[in-house]
Amino acid sequence: MVYDEFAEQLGAAHDELDATQQDVEDANKAATQAEQGAAAAKQDAADAGTETDKAKAEAKQAKAESQAARSRAEAARGCAKAYLEALGGLFEGDSASARAEAVRKDLQSVTTDCKDALTSA
């Protein structure tokens, strides 16, 4: 009975961590797309034939850069949440030392997923 309860809690915590890591990945992809859009808009501004076209391209660039910053911030928040969820694994169950290896693997996974978000935020 206790084992089943523990296994259920552990599975739920791992599912939460997986979902958070997916959110981080999605936010990183959105940021990359926005950054590419900003770069394209910057090039459009440089190539613009009229002041109106240049202003429109610069506005599009600013909007894309803002979206990229929001996405990077969301990824960084997701990383912080993922680290907390991974560390929380130490406090599940009777023995932190018994969970240490699983938590270490979770932390390595989070670090891998969050590398881009944390260096860009």
Protein backbone atom coordinates (compact mmCIF):
# COMPACT_ATOMS: atom_id res chain seq x y z
CA MET A 1 0.00 0.00 0.00
CA VAL A 2 2.71 2.51 0.99
CA TYR A 3 4.82 1.45 -1.98
CA ASP A 4 1.92 1.99 -4.39
CA GLU A 5 1.26 5.41 -2.91
CA PHE A 6 4.93 6.35 -3.19
CA ALA A 7 5.13 5.07 -6.77
CA GLU A 8 2.05 7.10 -7.67
CA GLN A 9 3.52 10.29 -6.15
CA LEU A 10 6.83 9.69 -7.85
CA GLY A 11 5.14 9.18 -11.20
CA ALA A 12 3.13 12.38 -10.82
CA ALA A 13 6.23 14.38 -9.91
CA HIS A 14 8.10 12.98 -12.89
CA ASP A 15 5.16 13.79 -15.18
CA GLU A 16 5.20 17.39 -13.89
CA LEU A 17 8.92 17.63 -14.55
CA ASP A 18 8.47 16.25 -18.07
CA ALA A 19 5.67 18.75 -18.77
CA THR A 20 7.78 21.63 -17.48
CA GLN A 21 10.73 20.58 -19.60
CA GLN A 22 8.42 20.46 -22.65
CA ASP A 23 7.26 24.00 -21.82
CA VAL A 24 10.90 25.12 -21.73
CA GLU A 25 11.57 23.50 -25.08
CA ASP A 26 8.48 25.16 -26.59
CA ALA A 27 9.49 28.57 -25.21
CA ASN A 28 13.01 28.15 -26.62
CA LYS A 29 11.59 27.29 -30.04
CA ALA A 30 9.29 30.33 -29.94
CA ALA A 31 12.23 32.56 -28.98
CA THR A 32 14.36 31.20 -31.81
CA GLN A 33 11.55 31.80 -34.31
CA ALA A 34 11.03 35.34 -33.01
CA GLU A 35 14.75 36.05 -33.22
CA GLN A 36 14.78 34.83 -36.82
CA GLY A 37 11.80 37.06 -37.55
CA ALA A 38 13.61 40.02 -36.00
CA ALA A 39 16.68 39.35 -38.13
CA ALA A 40 14.55 39.18 -41.27
CA ALA A 41 12.75 42.39 -40.34
CA LYS A 42 16.09 44.09 -39.72
CA GLN A 43 17.20 43.08 -43.18
CA ASP A 44 13.88 44.33 -44.61
CA ALA A 45 14.49 47.69 -42.92
CA ALA A 46 17.97 47.88 -44.42
CA ASP A 47 16.58 47.03 -47.86
CA ALA A 48 13.53 49.32 -47.61
CA GLY A 49 13.05 51.72 -50.50
CA THR A 50 10.95 54.27 -48.66
CA GLU A 51 10.87 55.70 -45.17
CA THR A 52 7.40 54.21 -44.69
CA ASP A 53 8.61 50.72 -45.57
CA LYS A 54 11.62 51.19 -43.32
CA ALA A 55 9.43 52.29 -40.40
CA LYS A 56 7.13 49.31 -40.90
CA ALA A 57 10.08 46.91 -40.99
CA GLU A 58 11.60 48.49 -37.88
CA ALA A 59 8.27 48.17 -36.05
CA LYS A 60 8.07 44.53 -37.09
CA GLN A 61 11.63 44.03 -35.85
CA ALA A 62 10.87 45.62 -32.49
CA LYS A 63 7.78 43.43 -32.07
CA ALA A 64 9.76 40.28 -32.91
CA GLU A 65 12.56 41.24 -30.52
CA SER A 66 10.00 41.83 -27.77
CA GLN A 67 8.43 38.43 -28.42
CA ALA A 68 11.85 36.78 -28.33
CA ALA A 69 12.61 38.41 -24.98
CA ARG A 70 9.26 37.27 -23.55
CA SER A 71 9.84 33.74 -24.79
CA ARG A 72 13.35 33.62 -23.33
CA ALA A 73 12.01 34.89 -20.00
CA GLU A 74 9.30 32.22 -20.06
CA ALA A 75 11.93 29.57 -20.76
CA ALA A 76 14.06 30.84 -17.86
CA ARG A 77 11.02 30.71 -15.53
CA GLY A 78 10.31 27.19 -16.73
CA CYS A 79 13.90 26.23 -16.00
CA ALA A 80 13.67 27.55 -12.48
CA LYS A 81 10.47 25.58 -11.97
CA ALA A 82 12.05 22.44 -13.44
CA TYR A 83 15.05 22.72 -11.12
CA LEU A 84 12.75 23.07 -8.12
CA GLU A 85 10.66 20.10 -9.24
CA ALA A 86 13.78 17.99 -9.75
CA LEU A 87 15.19 18.95 -6.34
CA GLY A 88 11.80 18.27 -4.77
CA GLY A 89 12.40 14.63 -5.61
CA LEU A 90 14.83 14.48 -2.71
CA PHE A 91 11.97 15.05 -0.30
CA GLU A 92 9.64 12.42 -1.69
CA GLY A 93 9.64 9.14 0.13
CA ASP A 94 11.49 8.06 3.21
CA SER A 95 15.11 8.47 2.15
CA ALA A 96 16.74 11.34 0.31
CA SER A 97 19.83 9.21 -0.26
CA ALA A 98 17.72 6.58 -2.00
CA ARG A 99 16.40 9.26 -4.38
CA ALA A 100 19.72 11.02 -4.94
CA GLU A 101 20.66 9.18 -8.15
CA ALA A 102 17.28 9.77 -9.77
CA VAL A 103 17.38 13.44 -8.76
CA ARG A 104 20.92 13.77 -10.15
CA LYS A 105 19.71 12.40 -13.50
CA ASP A 106 16.72 14.75 -13.46
CA LEU A 107 19.01 17.71 -12.74
CA GLN A 108 21.32 16.73 -15.59
CA SER A 109 18.33 16.52 -17.92
CA VAL A 110 17.03 19.91 -16.80
CA THR A 111 20.47 21.46 -17.24
CA THR A 112 20.70 20.10 -20.77
CA ASP A 113 17.23 21.38 -21.65
CA CYS A 114 17.84 24.76 -20.04
CA LYS A 115 21.31 25.50 -21.34
CA ASP A 116 20.08 27.77 -24.16
CA ALA A 117 17.44 29.47 -22.02
CA LEU A 118 19.83 30.27 -19.21
CA THR A 119 22.63 31.57 -21.43
CA SER A 120 20.24 33.75 -23.47
CA ALA A 121 18.04 35.11 -20.69
